[in-house]
């Protein structure tokens, strides 16, 4: 029983990280109808910024996180303007995919040139040791608790922003119909750029939590979590903010339980098997909606 509870809590923590990353995927797709497969590498960039600020420059973790969020946000805006905006109207999905892979390789190779291929030891930004329950039988690490809280807080704040602000309403309008949104006076380019900014800032937050829980940093740190977060977004319903959160939490729990009770070698196969099952039997995901395009 204690082992199961430990796995469940760890699954919620990992799922919370996947959920925060998946929110970036689902927002960009829901509004810009594009998949930024370089999103996972924004996580890596954010981690290296925190690593540089804390371990190299001796700054506090709070300063490192703030710097990471700001710089990743600017990186997201620049990437959208330079790489994705020219492709938005005329390019095929294949061209967008190739561009995303190019951006991903560029970021990874820049990290290799600057920091080298050796793994860095990441200092956790969470200093709280956690809590002990059931007479010492169950210990929940502080970073695990903080990750779950932060993921839920991000969902609440994001939903409040989307449904309660003018910019958020503009996002909903652009997601529904870009042409009609333009006729209503909404700056579509600005709205999509804002979406990339929010998603990239969330990637920095996810990176801080990811490397605090798994304190090894390489230029490829964000690659696999980014792909798994995409699976979470599809599972929850790509384009749905609550769906991304649910998909992330479910996927994290499944992965940890698979590692604990089945096989650590097969856990990734199980995760990607879920993607195949969802695409076969419910391609819209848990909370996704079927959309019809007018021709």
C-alpha atoms as a PDB file:
ATOM      1  CA  UNK A   1       0.000   0.000   0.000  1.00  0.00           C
ATOM      2  CA  UNK A   2       2.767   2.445   0.925  1.00  0.00           C
ATOM      3  CA  UNK A   3       4.620   1.550  -2.268  1.00  0.00           C
ATOM      4  CA  UNK A   4       1.514   2.247  -4.332  1.00  0.00           C
ATOM      5  CA  UNK A   5       0.924   5.608  -2.625  1.00  0.00           C
ATOM      6  CA  UNK A   6       4.543   6.575  -3.234  1.00  0.00           C
ATOM      7  CA  UNK A   7       4.227   5.679  -6.912  1.00  0.00           C
ATOM      8  CA  UNK A   8       0.932   7.549  -7.171  1.00  0.00           C
ATOM      9  CA  UNK A   9       2.377  10.743  -5.659  1.00  0.00           C
ATOM     10  CA  UNK A  10       5.488  10.527  -7.835  1.00  0.00           C
ATOM     11  CA  UNK A  11       3.249   9.945 -10.851  1.00  0.00           C
ATOM     12  CA  UNK A  12       1.235  13.064 -10.041  1.00  0.00           C
ATOM     13  CA  UNK A  13       4.482  15.035  -9.733  1.00  0.00           C
ATOM     14  CA  UNK A  14       5.846  13.802 -13.072  1.00  0.00           C
ATOM     15  CA  UNK A  15       2.420  14.260 -14.612  1.00  0.00           C
ATOM     16  CA  UNK A  16       2.327  17.837 -13.376  1.00  0.00           C
ATOM     17  CA  UNK A  17       5.564  18.532 -15.268  1.00  0.00           C
ATOM     18  CA  UNK A  18       4.161  16.893 -18.406  1.00  0.00           C
ATOM     19  CA  UNK A  19       0.984  18.924 -17.986  1.00  0.00           C
ATOM     20  CA  UNK A  20       2.800  22.261 -17.819  1.00  0.00           C
ATOM     21  CA  UNK A  21       4.769  21.363 -20.964  1.00  0.00           C
ATOM     22  CA  UNK A  22       1.622  20.076 -22.686  1.00  0.00           C
ATOM     23  CA  UNK A  23      -0.114  23.388 -22.015  1.00  0.00           C
ATOM     24  CA  UNK A  24       2.433  25.054 -24.284  1.00  0.00           C
ATOM     25  CA  UNK A  25       1.744  22.541 -27.059  1.00  0.00           C
ATOM     26  CA  UNK A  26      -2.012  22.749 -26.752  1.00  0.00           C
ATOM     27  CA  UNK A  27      -2.177  26.556 -26.607  1.00  0.00           C
ATOM     28  CA  UNK A  28      -0.031  27.015 -29.705  1.00  0.00           C
ATOM     29  CA  UNK A  29      -1.971  24.385 -31.638  1.00  0.00           C
ATOM     30  CA  UNK A  30      -5.351  25.609 -30.445  1.00  0.00           C
ATOM     31  CA  UNK A  31      -4.678  29.178 -31.517  1.00  0.00           C
ATOM     32  CA  UNK A  32      -2.086  29.039 -34.305  1.00  0.00           C
ATOM     33  CA  UNK A  33      -2.988  25.516 -35.566  1.00  0.00           C
ATOM     34  CA  UNK A  34       0.725  24.654 -35.523  1.00  0.00           C
ATOM     35  CA  UNK A  35       2.728  22.169 -33.455  1.00  0.00           C
ATOM     36  CA  UNK A  36       5.984  23.530 -32.072  1.00  0.00           C
ATOM     37  CA  UNK A  37       8.009  20.323 -31.734  1.00  0.00           C
ATOM     38  CA  UNK A  38      10.991  22.402 -30.593  1.00  0.00           C
ATOM     39  CA  UNK A  39       9.050  23.144 -27.411  1.00  0.00           C
ATOM     40  CA  UNK A  40      10.959  20.504 -25.446  1.00  0.00           C
ATOM     41  CA  UNK A  41      14.247  22.252 -26.180  1.00  0.00           C
ATOM     42  CA  UNK A  42      12.913  25.455 -24.615  1.00  0.00           C
ATOM     43  CA  UNK A  43      12.842  23.418 -21.395  1.00  0.00           C
ATOM     44  CA  UNK A  44      16.538  22.643 -21.826  1.00  0.00           C
ATOM     45  CA  UNK A  45      17.344  26.301 -22.503  1.00  0.00           C
ATOM     46  CA  UNK A  46      15.466  27.341 -19.379  1.00  0.00           C
ATOM     47  CA  UNK A  47      17.373  24.779 -17.286  1.00  0.00           C
ATOM     48  CA  UNK A  48      20.747  25.993 -18.556  1.00  0.00           C
ATOM     49  CA  UNK A  49      19.796  29.583 -17.753  1.00  0.00           C
ATOM     50  CA  UNK A  50      18.967  28.603 -14.181  1.00  0.00           C
ATOM     51  CA  UNK A  51      22.132  26.483 -13.963  1.00  0.00           C
ATOM     52  CA  UNK A  52      24.261  29.400 -15.158  1.00  0.00           C
ATOM     53  CA  UNK A  53      22.601  31.875 -12.819  1.00  0.00           C
ATOM     54  CA  UNK A  54      22.755  29.676  -9.705  1.00  0.00           C
ATOM     55  CA  UNK A  55      25.838  27.465 -10.123  1.00  0.00           C
ATOM     56  CA  UNK A  56      28.092  29.747 -12.178  1.00  0.00           C
ATOM     57  CA  UNK A  57      27.082  33.262 -11.130  1.00  0.00           C
ATOM     58  CA  UNK A  58      26.075  32.434  -7.559  1.00  0.00           C
ATOM     59  CA  UNK A  59      22.646  34.061  -7.774  1.00  0.00           C
ATOM     60  CA  UNK A  60      19.610  32.870  -5.838  1.00  0.00           C
ATOM     61  CA  UNK A  61      17.305  30.235  -7.368  1.00  0.00           C
ATOM     62  CA  UNK A  62      14.461  32.774  -7.480  1.00  0.00           C
ATOM     63  CA  UNK A  63      16.539  35.109  -9.652  1.00  0.00           C
ATOM     64  CA  UNK A  64      17.522  32.184 -11.860  1.00  0.00           C
ATOM     65  CA  UNK A  65      13.896  31.143 -12.365  1.00  0.00           C
ATOM     66  CA  UNK A  66      12.784  34.685 -13.177  1.00  0.00           C
ATOM     67  CA  UNK A  67      15.648  35.114 -15.661  1.00  0.00           C
ATOM     68  CA  UNK A  68      14.791  31.745 -17.205  1.00  0.00           C
ATOM     69  CA  UNK A  69      11.126  32.665 -17.665  1.00  0.00           C
ATOM     70  CA  UNK A  70      11.960  36.049 -19.196  1.00  0.00           C
ATOM     71  CA  UNK A  71      14.607  34.742 -21.606  1.00  0.00           C
ATOM     72  CA  UNK A  72      12.551  31.693 -22.648  1.00  0.00           C
ATOM     73  CA  UNK A  73       9.577  33.980 -23.261  1.00  0.00           C
ATOM     74  CA  UNK A  74      11.694  36.180 -25.525  1.00  0.00           C
ATOM     75  CA  UNK A  75      13.049  33.084 -27.261  1.00  0.00           C
ATOM     76  CA  UNK A  76       9.512  31.882 -27.935  1.00  0.00           C
ATOM     77  CA  UNK A  77       8.487  35.231 -29.407  1.00  0.00           C
ATOM     78  CA  UNK A  78      11.600  35.357 -31.612  1.00  0.00           C
ATOM     79  CA  UNK A  79      11.110  31.766 -32.784  1.00  0.00           C
ATOM     80  CA  UNK A  80       7.513  32.444 -33.765  1.00  0.00           C
ATOM     81  CA  UNK A  81       8.420  35.618 -35.642  1.00  0.00           C
ATOM     82  CA  UNK A  82      11.429  34.228 -37.501  1.00  0.00           C
ATOM     83  CA  UNK A  83      10.633  30.554 -38.031  1.00  0.00           C
ATOM     84  CA  UNK A  84       6.891  29.981 -37.844  1.00  0.00           C
ATOM     85  CA  UNK A  85       5.137  33.172 -38.921  1.00  0.00           C
ATOM     86  CA  UNK A  86       6.368  32.990 -42.547  1.00  0.00           C
ATOM     87  CA  UNK A  87       4.951  29.450 -42.760  1.00  0.00           C
ATOM     88  CA  UNK A  88       1.609  30.093 -41.142  1.00  0.00           C
ATOM     89  CA  UNK A  89      -0.599  30.610 -44.198  1.00  0.00           C
ATOM     90  CA  UNK A  90       1.034  28.893 -47.142  1.00  0.00           C
ATOM     91  CA  UNK A  91       3.179  26.077 -45.780  1.00  0.00           C
ATOM     92  CA  UNK A  92       2.208  22.436 -45.478  1.00  0.00           C
ATOM     93  CA  UNK A  93       2.319  20.603 -42.132  1.00  0.00           C
ATOM     94  CA  UNK A  94       5.482  18.865 -43.363  1.00  0.00           C
ATOM     95  CA  UNK A  95       7.228  22.225 -43.806  1.00  0.00           C
ATOM     96  CA  UNK A  96       6.226  23.219 -40.272  1.00  0.00           C
ATOM     97  CA  UNK A  97       7.547  19.903 -38.941  1.00  0.00           C
ATOM     98  CA  UNK A  98      10.874  20.313 -40.774  1.00  0.00           C
ATOM     99  CA  UNK A  99      11.183  23.858 -39.431  1.00  0.00           C
ATOM    100  CA  UNK A 100      10.493  22.681 -35.875  1.00  0.00           C
ATOM    101  CA  UNK A 101      13.140  19.959 -36.197  1.00  0.00           C
ATOM    102  CA  UNK A 102      15.582  22.559 -37.500  1.00  0.00           C
ATOM    103  CA  UNK A 103      14.913  24.869 -34.559  1.00  0.00           C
ATOM    104  CA  UNK A 104      15.325  21.913 -32.191  1.00  0.00           C
ATOM    105  CA  UNK A 105      18.686  20.903 -33.667  1.00  0.00           C
ATOM    106  CA  UNK A 106      19.854  24.518 -33.613  1.00  0.00           C
ATOM    107  CA  UNK A 107      19.108  24.924 -29.902  1.00  0.00           C
ATOM    108  CA  UNK A 108      20.646  21.564 -28.998  1.00  0.00           C
ATOM    109  CA  UNK A 109      23.826  22.227 -30.938  1.00  0.00           C
ATOM    110  CA  UNK A 110      24.182  25.723 -29.507  1.00  0.00           C
ATOM    111  CA  UNK A 111      23.927  24.172 -26.039  1.00  0.00           C
ATOM    112  CA  UNK A 112      26.594  21.629 -27.020  1.00  0.00           C
ATOM    113  CA  UNK A 113      28.921  24.400 -28.196  1.00  0.00           C
ATOM    114  CA  UNK A 114      28.403  26.552 -25.116  1.00  0.00           C
ATOM    115  CA  UNK A 115      28.139  23.996 -22.310  1.00  0.00           C
ATOM    116  CA  UNK A 116      29.642  20.836 -23.816  1.00  0.00           C
ATOM    117  CA  UNK A 117      28.230  17.317 -23.915  1.00  0.00           C
ATOM    118  CA  UNK A 118      29.076  16.438 -20.310  1.00  0.00           C
ATOM    119  CA  UNK A 119      26.115  16.126 -17.957  1.00  0.00           C
ATOM    120  CA  UNK A 120      25.833  18.938 -15.414  1.00  0.00           C
ATOM    121  CA  UNK A 121      24.674  18.449 -11.847  1.00  0.00           C
ATOM    122  CA  UNK A 122      21.624  20.671 -11.412  1.00  0.00           C
ATOM    123  CA  UNK A 123      21.048  22.236  -8.004  1.00  0.00           C
ATOM    124  CA  UNK A 124      17.398  21.913  -7.026  1.00  0.00           C
ATOM    125  CA  UNK A 125      15.517  25.189  -6.779  1.00  0.00           C
ATOM    126  CA  UNK A 126      13.321  23.633  -4.069  1.00  0.00           C
ATOM    127  CA  UNK A 127      15.099  23.529  -0.714  1.00  0.00           C
ATOM    128  CA  UNK A 128      12.194  22.065   1.300  1.00  0.00           C
ATOM    129  CA  UNK A 129      12.890  18.440   2.255  1.00  0.00           C
ATOM    130  CA  UNK A 130       9.209  17.499   2.255  1.00  0.00           C
ATOM    131  CA  UNK A 131       6.923  15.697   4.703  1.00  0.00           C
ATOM    132  CA  UNK A 132       6.841  12.248   6.319  1.00  0.00           C
ATOM    133  CA  UNK A 133       3.588  10.359   6.863  1.00  0.00           C
ATOM    134  CA  UNK A 134       2.411   7.052   8.372  1.00  0.00           C
ATOM    135  CA  UNK A 135       5.022   7.027  11.105  1.00  0.00           C
ATOM    136  CA  UNK A 136       7.933   7.513   8.754  1.00  0.00           C
ATOM    137  CA  UNK A 137       6.863   4.881   6.222  1.00  0.00           C
ATOM    138  CA  UNK A 138       5.997   7.409   3.496  1.00  0.00           C
ATOM    139  CA  UNK A 139       8.239  10.370   2.698  1.00  0.00           C
ATOM    140  CA  UNK A 140       7.094  12.858   0.072  1.00  0.00           C
ATOM    141  CA  UNK A 141       9.865  15.114  -1.206  1.00  0.00           C
ATOM    142  CA  UNK A 142       9.357  18.856  -1.210  1.00  0.00           C
ATOM    143  CA  UNK A 143       9.933  19.153  -4.959  1.00  0.00           C
ATOM    144  CA  UNK A 144       7.179  16.565  -5.518  1.00  0.00           C
ATOM    145  CA  UNK A 145       4.647  18.561  -3.497  1.00  0.00           C
ATOM    146  CA  UNK A 146       5.702  21.871  -5.019  1.00  0.00           C
ATOM    147  CA  UNK A 147       5.416  20.439  -8.546  1.00  0.00           C
ATOM    148  CA  UNK A 148       1.842  19.265  -7.976  1.00  0.00           C
ATOM    149  CA  UNK A 149       0.853  22.614  -6.449  1.00  0.00           C
ATOM    150  CA  UNK A 150       2.516  24.649  -9.196  1.00  0.00           C
ATOM    151  CA  UNK A 151       0.901  22.606 -11.981  1.00  0.00           C
ATOM    152  CA  UNK A 152      -2.585  23.114 -10.523  1.00  0.00           C
ATOM    153  CA  UNK A 153      -1.874  26.814  -9.918  1.00  0.00           C
ATOM    154  CA  UNK A 154      -0.705  27.230 -13.526  1.00  0.00           C
ATOM    155  CA  UNK A 155      -3.968  25.678 -14.762  1.00  0.00           C
ATOM    156  CA  UNK A 156      -6.111  27.991 -12.624  1.00  0.00           C
ATOM    157  CA  UNK A 157      -4.158  31.119 -13.592  1.00  0.00           C
ATOM    158  CA  UNK A 158      -4.140  30.207 -17.279  1.00  0.00           C
ATOM    159  CA  UNK A 159      -7.862  29.506 -17.357  1.00  0.00           C
ATOM    160  CA  UNK A 160      -8.549  32.764 -15.515  1.00  0.00           C
ATOM    161  CA  UNK A 161      -6.342  34.658 -17.964  1.00  0.00           C
ATOM    162  CA  UNK A 162      -7.936  33.135 -21.067  1.00  0.00           C
ATOM    163  CA  UNK A 163     -11.534  33.608 -19.936  1.00  0.00           C
ATOM    164  CA  UNK A 164     -11.162  36.769 -17.874  1.00  0.00           C
ATOM    165  CA  UNK A 165      -8.928  39.153 -19.827  1.00  0.00           C
ATOM    166  CA  UNK A 166      -9.137  41.000 -23.119  1.00  0.00           C
ATOM    167  CA  UNK A 167      -6.045  39.267 -24.494  1.00  0.00           C
ATOM    168  CA  UNK A 168      -7.445  35.923 -23.420  1.00  0.00           C
ATOM    169  CA  UNK A 169     -10.698  36.597 -25.237  1.00  0.00           C
ATOM    170  CA  UNK A 170      -8.663  37.545 -28.299  1.00  0.00           C
ATOM    171  CA  UNK A 171      -6.944  34.153 -28.090  1.00  0.00           C
ATOM    172  CA  UNK A 172     -10.308  32.399 -28.036  1.00  0.00           C
ATOM    173  CA  UNK A 173     -11.488  34.435 -31.019  1.00  0.00           C
ATOM    174  CA  UNK A 174      -8.352  33.671 -33.046  1.00  0.00           C
ATOM    175  CA  UNK A 175      -8.639  29.989 -32.154  1.00  0.00           C
ATOM    176  CA  UNK A 176     -12.226  29.971 -33.407  1.00  0.00           C
ATOM    177  CA  UNK A 177     -11.738  31.867 -36.674  1.00  0.00           C
ATOM    178  CA  UNK A 178      -8.669  33.929 -37.589  1.00  0.00           C
ATOM    179  CA  UNK A 179     -10.412  35.678 -40.464  1.00  0.00           C
ATOM    180  CA  UNK A 180     -13.376  36.774 -38.357  1.00  0.00           C
ATOM    181  CA  UNK A 181     -11.022  37.819 -35.556  1.00  0.00           C
ATOM    182  CA  UNK A 182      -9.146  40.065 -37.985  1.00  0.00           C
ATOM    183  CA  UNK A 183     -12.409  41.683 -39.111  1.00  0.00           C
ATOM    184  CA  UNK A 184     -13.213  42.378 -35.449  1.00  0.00           C
ATOM    185  CA  UNK A 185      -9.982  44.364 -35.119  1.00  0.00           C
ATOM    186  CA  UNK A 186      -7.905  41.720 -33.339  1.00  0.00           C
ATOM    187  CA  UNK A 187      -4.197  41.678 -34.170  1.00  0.00           C
ATOM    188  CA  UNK A 188      -3.758  37.986 -35.035  1.00  0.00           C
ATOM    189  CA  UNK A 189       0.040  38.184 -35.231  1.00  0.00           C
ATOM    190  CA  UNK A 190       0.255  39.786 -31.807  1.00  0.00           C
ATOM    191  CA  UNK A 191      -2.139  37.259 -30.308  1.00  0.00           C
ATOM    192  CA  UNK A 192      -0.236  34.266 -31.678  1.00  0.00           C
ATOM    193  CA  UNK A 193       3.058  35.808 -30.562  1.00  0.00           C
ATOM    194  CA  UNK A 194       1.597  36.204 -27.063  1.00  0.00           C
ATOM    195  CA  UNK A 195       0.576  32.543 -27.126  1.00  0.00           C
ATOM    196  CA  UNK A 196       4.125  31.461 -27.982  1.00  0.00           C
ATOM    197  CA  UNK A 197       5.410  33.735 -25.209  1.00  0.00           C
ATOM    198  CA  UNK A 198       3.154  32.149 -22.578  1.00  0.00           C
ATOM    199  CA  UNK A 199       3.941  28.618 -23.741  1.00  0.00           C
ATOM    200  CA  UNK A 200       7.687  29.275 -23.692  1.00  0.00           C
ATOM    201  CA  UNK A 201       7.503  30.846 -20.233  1.00  0.00           C
ATOM    202  CA  UNK A 202       5.683  27.748 -19.004  1.00  0.00           C
ATOM    203  CA  UNK A 203       8.452  25.608 -20.520  1.00  0.00           C
ATOM    204  CA  UNK A 204      10.954  27.431 -18.305  1.00  0.00           C
ATOM    205  CA  UNK A 205       8.821  26.691 -15.224  1.00  0.00           C
ATOM    206  CA  UNK A 206       8.547  23.035 -16.234  1.00  0.00           C
ATOM    207  CA  UNK A 207      12.315  22.897 -16.765  1.00  0.00           C
ATOM    208  CA  UNK A 208      13.030  24.202 -13.275  1.00  0.00           C
ATOM    209  CA  UNK A 209      10.755  21.559 -11.755  1.00  0.00           C
ATOM    210  CA  UNK A 210      12.003  18.765 -14.033  1.00  0.00           C
ATOM    211  CA  UNK A 211      15.689  19.297 -13.289  1.00  0.00           C
ATOM    212  CA  UNK A 212      14.978  19.763  -9.586  1.00  0.00           C
ATOM    213  CA  UNK A 213      13.318  16.341  -9.506  1.00  0.00           C
ATOM    214  CA  UNK A 214      15.824  14.697 -11.881  1.00  0.00           C
ATOM    215  CA  UNK A 215      19.020  16.738 -11.310  1.00  0.00           C
ATOM    216  CA  UNK A 216      21.017  15.907 -14.428  1.00  0.00           C
ATOM    217  CA  UNK A 217      21.273  18.455 -17.233  1.00  0.00           C
ATOM    218  CA  UNK A 218      22.428  17.826 -20.818  1.00  0.00           C
ATOM    219  CA  UNK A 219      21.642  19.473 -24.177  1.00  0.00           C
ATOM    220  CA  UNK A 220      19.046  16.725 -24.719  1.00  0.00           C
ATOM    221  CA  UNK A 221      17.294  17.063 -21.361  1.00  0.00           C
ATOM    222  CA  UNK A 222      14.069  18.444 -22.816  1.00  0.00           C
ATOM    223  CA  UNK A 223      13.751  16.118 -25.819  1.00  0.00           C
ATOM    224  CA  UNK A 224      12.012  13.091 -24.288  1.00  0.00           C
ATOM    225  CA  UNK A 225       9.838  15.031 -21.791  1.00  0.00           C
ATOM    226  CA  UNK A 226       8.765  17.243 -24.685  1.00  0.00           C
ATOM    227  CA  UNK A 227       7.687  14.258 -26.774  1.00  0.00           C
ATOM    228  CA  UNK A 228       5.859  12.677 -23.828  1.00  0.00           C
ATOM    229  CA  UNK A 229       4.119  15.975 -23.120  1.00  0.00           C
ATOM    230  CA  UNK A 230       2.895  15.954 -26.719  1.00  0.00           C
ATOM    231  CA  UNK A 231       1.408  12.502 -26.026  1.00  0.00           C
ATOM    232  CA  UNK A 232      -0.246  14.016 -22.938  1.00  0.00           C
ATOM    233  CA  UNK A 233      -1.680  16.858 -25.020  1.00  0.00           C
ATOM    234  CA  UNK A 234      -3.111  14.379 -27.551  1.00  0.00           C
ATOM    235  CA  UNK A 235      -4.473  12.195 -24.755  1.00  0.00           C
ATOM    236  CA  UNK A 236      -6.255  15.125 -23.132  1.00  0.00           C
ATOM    237  CA  UNK A 237      -7.411  16.615 -26.422  1.00  0.00           C
ATOM    238  CA  UNK A 238      -5.014  18.843 -28.320  1.00  0.00           C
ATOM    239  CA  UNK A 239      -6.255  22.409 -28.073  1.00  0.00           C
ATOM    240  CA  UNK A 240      -7.948  21.910 -24.692  1.00  0.00           C
ATOM    241  CA  UNK A 241      -6.241  23.536 -21.696  1.00  0.00           C
ATOM    242  CA  UNK A 242      -7.990  21.356 -19.059  1.00  0.00           C
ATOM    243  CA  UNK A 243      -7.386  18.374 -21.329  1.00  0.00           C
ATOM    244  CA  UNK A 244      -3.636  19.030 -21.347  1.00  0.00           C
ATOM    245  CA  UNK A 245      -3.629  19.048 -17.546  1.00  0.00           C
ATOM    246  CA  UNK A 246      -5.652  15.835 -17.278  1.00  0.00           C
ATOM    247  CA  UNK A 247      -3.594  14.142 -19.993  1.00  0.00           C
ATOM    248  CA  UNK A 248      -0.335  15.097 -18.285  1.00  0.00           C
ATOM    249  CA  UNK A 249      -1.406  13.817 -14.877  1.00  0.00           C
ATOM    250  CA  UNK A 250      -2.782  10.560 -16.286  1.00  0.00           C
ATOM    251  CA  UNK A 251       0.334   9.959 -18.365  1.00  0.00           C
ATOM    252  CA  UNK A 252       2.669  10.652 -15.435  1.00  0.00           C
ATOM    253  CA  UNK A 253       0.809   8.192 -13.212  1.00  0.00           C
ATOM    254  CA  UNK A 254       0.799   5.519 -15.927  1.00  0.00           C
ATOM    255  CA  UNK A 255       4.532   5.938 -16.547  1.00  0.00           C
ATOM    256  CA  UNK A 256       5.528   5.689 -12.877  1.00  0.00           C
ATOM    257  CA  UNK A 257       3.204   2.732 -12.240  1.00  0.00           C
ATOM    258  CA  UNK A 258       4.590   0.998 -15.344  1.00  0.00           C
ATOM    259  CA  UNK A 259       8.151   1.521 -14.105  1.00  0.00           C
ATOM    260  CA  UNK A 260       7.257   0.236 -10.642  1.00  0.00           C
ATOM    261  CA  UNK A 261       5.083  -2.759 -11.461  1.00  0.00           C
ATOM    262  CA  UNK A 262       5.903  -3.758 -15.044  1.00  0.00           C
ATOM    263  CA  UNK A 263       9.347  -2.744 -16.316  1.00  0.00           C
ATOM    264  CA  UNK A 264      11.409   0.427 -16.399  1.00  0.00           C
ATOM    265  CA  UNK A 265      12.622  -0.593 -19.865  1.00  0.00           C
ATOM    266  CA  UNK A 266       9.060  -0.905 -21.173  1.00  0.00           C
ATOM    267  CA  UNK A 267       7.631   2.243 -19.584  1.00  0.00           C
ATOM    268  CA  UNK A 268       8.413   4.455 -22.578  1.00  0.00           C
ATOM    269  CA  UNK A 269       6.884   1.888 -24.947  1.00  0.00           C
ATOM    270  CA  UNK A 270       3.731   1.888 -22.832  1.00  0.00           C
ATOM    271  CA  UNK A 271       3.574   5.695 -22.940  1.00  0.00           C
ATOM    272  CA  UNK A 272       3.855   5.799 -26.716  1.00  0.00           C
ATOM    273  CA  UNK A 273       1.490   2.862 -27.012  1.00  0.00           C
ATOM    274  CA  UNK A 274      -1.111   5.075 -25.360  1.00  0.00           C
ATOM    275  CA  UNK A 275      -0.662   7.579 -28.192  1.00  0.00           C
ATOM    276  CA  UNK A 276      -1.360   4.864 -30.768  1.00  0.00           C
ATOM    277  CA  UNK A 277      -4.468   3.683 -28.896  1.00  0.00           C
ATOM    278  CA  UNK A 278      -5.829   7.235 -28.555  1.00  0.00           C
ATOM    279  CA  UNK A 279      -5.260   8.011 -32.240  1.00  0.00           C
ATOM    280  CA  UNK A 280      -7.005   4.766 -33.229  1.00  0.00           C
ATOM    281  CA  UNK A 281     -10.045   4.878 -30.954  1.00  0.00           C
ATOM    282  CA  UNK A 282     -10.497   8.506 -29.843  1.00  0.00           C
ATOM    283  CA  UNK A 283      -8.363  10.829 -31.987  1.00  0.00           C
ATOM    284  CA  UNK A 284      -9.923  13.936 -30.419  1.00  0.00           C
ATOM    285  CA  UNK A 285      -8.647  12.922 -26.968  1.00  0.00           C
ATOM    286  CA  UNK A 286     -10.508  12.999 -23.673  1.00  0.00           C
ATOM    287  CA  UNK A 287     -11.734  16.597 -23.879  1.00  0.00           C
ATOM    288  CA  UNK A 288     -11.067  17.456 -27.527  1.00  0.00           C
ATOM    289  CA  UNK A 289     -13.826  18.452 -29.907  1.00  0.00           C
ATOM    290  CA  UNK A 290     -14.414  17.505 -33.505  1.00  0.00           C
ATOM    291  CA  UNK A 291     -13.999  20.583 -35.694  1.00  0.00           C
ATOM    292  CA  UNK A 292     -15.390  21.036 -39.161  1.00  0.00           C
ATOM    293  CA  UNK A 293     -13.677  23.255 -41.699  1.00  0.00           C
ATOM    294  CA  UNK A 294     -15.716  25.249 -44.143  1.00  0.00           C
ATOM    295  CA  UNK A 295     -14.770  24.922 -47.795  1.00  0.00           C
END
